[in-house]
Amino acid sequence: MKINWKVRLKHKPFLLGAFVLLLLLVQQIGALVGYDTTIYNERVTELFNTVLAFLVLVGVVVDPTTEGTSDSEQALKYEKPKDDK
């Protein structure tokens, strides 16, 4: 698996997803060691976690080689993943 980290780390949606993932991990680790991470009440915390999970999904799934959150014109034409071999 080859990943161009220089490009990925300059892509704002990816950075947002990575930051939010870090927040979720800190929250999970806090819960494991007994630290209460409830924001306001459990319902609000669950909604907050759902929003964070969606932001992680968007940030990780986005094509970092294009501007914004769209795929490139070339990638839109693929019927299956491109074989680089």
Protein backbone atom coordinates (compact mmCIF):
# COMPACT_ATOMS: atom_id res chain seq x y z
CA MET A 1 0.00 0.00 0.00
CA LYS A 2 1.49 3.29 -1.12
CA ILE A 3 0.27 6.53 0.44
CA ASN A 4 1.46 10.02 -0.44
CA TRP A 5 1.54 11.42 3.11
CA LYS A 6 2.84 14.84 1.97
CA VAL A 7 -0.33 15.42 -0.05
CA ARG A 8 -2.63 13.82 2.51
CA LEU A 9 -1.30 15.96 5.37
CA LYS A 10 -1.94 19.13 3.36
CA HIS A 11 -5.59 18.16 2.71
CA LYS A 12 -7.95 19.87 5.18
CA PRO A 13 -10.74 17.22 5.22
CA PHE A 14 -8.18 14.51 5.98
CA LEU A 15 -6.66 16.59 8.78
CA LEU A 16 -10.12 17.27 10.22
CA GLY A 17 -10.92 13.55 10.12
CA ALA A 18 -7.62 12.67 11.80
CA PHE A 19 -8.16 15.27 14.54
CA VAL A 20 -11.70 14.10 15.20
CA LEU A 21 -10.54 10.49 15.27
CA LEU A 22 -7.99 11.50 17.90
CA LEU A 23 -10.79 13.11 19.97
CA LEU A 24 -12.86 9.94 19.77
CA LEU A 25 -9.88 7.80 20.78
CA VAL A 26 -9.14 10.03 23.77
CA GLN A 27 -12.79 9.80 24.79
CA GLN A 28 -12.77 6.00 24.49
CA ILE A 29 -9.55 5.66 26.47
CA GLY A 30 -10.95 8.00 29.12
CA ALA A 31 -14.04 5.81 29.42
CA LEU A 32 -11.85 2.70 29.77
CA VAL A 33 -9.92 4.16 32.70
CA GLY A 34 -13.08 5.43 34.39
CA TYR A 35 -13.03 9.12 33.39
CA ASP A 36 -16.56 10.44 32.75
CA THR A 37 -16.60 12.11 29.31
CA THR A 38 -20.33 12.90 29.24
CA ILE A 39 -20.81 16.35 27.71
CA TYR A 40 -24.26 17.40 28.91
CA ASN A 41 -26.21 14.19 29.14
CA GLU A 42 -25.92 10.81 27.46
CA ARG A 43 -28.16 11.73 24.51
CA VAL A 44 -26.10 14.81 23.66
CA THR A 45 -22.90 12.82 24.02
CA GLU A 46 -24.22 10.11 21.67
CA LEU A 47 -25.24 12.75 19.10
CA PHE A 48 -21.83 14.41 19.42
CA ASN A 49 -20.09 11.06 18.89
CA THR A 50 -22.23 10.36 15.82
CA VAL A 51 -21.30 13.73 14.30
CA LEU A 52 -17.63 13.10 15.08
CA ALA A 53 -17.78 9.63 13.51
CA PHE A 54 -19.32 11.12 10.35
CA LEU A 55 -16.56 13.74 10.18
CA VAL A 56 -13.96 10.98 10.48
CA LEU A 57 -15.65 9.06 7.67
CA VAL A 58 -15.70 12.10 5.38
CA GLY A 59 -12.10 13.00 6.17
CA VAL A 60 -10.74 9.53 5.59
CA VAL A 61 -12.73 8.62 2.49
CA VAL A 62 -12.03 11.87 0.59
CA ASP A 63 -9.60 11.86 -2.35
CA PRO A 64 -6.71 14.02 -1.10
CA THR A 65 -5.35 14.60 -4.60
CA THR A 66 -8.26 16.87 -5.53
CA GLU A 67 -9.53 20.16 -4.16
CA GLY A 68 -12.56 19.88 -1.87
CA THR A 69 -14.35 16.61 -1.24
CA SER A 70 -14.99 15.51 -4.84
CA ASP A 71 -13.15 12.79 -6.71
CA SER A 72 -11.06 13.73 -9.74
CA GLU A 73 -12.57 13.46 -13.23
CA GLN A 74 -10.27 10.50 -13.88
CA ALA A 75 -11.41 8.69 -10.71
CA LEU A 76 -15.08 9.26 -11.55
CA LYS A 77 -14.63 7.25 -14.75
CA TYR A 78 -13.20 4.16 -13.01
CA GLU A 79 -15.32 1.00 -13.01
CA LYS A 80 -12.92 -0.65 -10.53
CA PRO A 81 -9.84 0.53 -8.62
CA LYS A 82 -6.93 1.43 -10.86
CA ASP A 83 -4.18 -1.19 -11.01
CA ASP A 84 -0.84 0.61 -10.79
CA LYS A 85 1.16 -2.39 -11.99
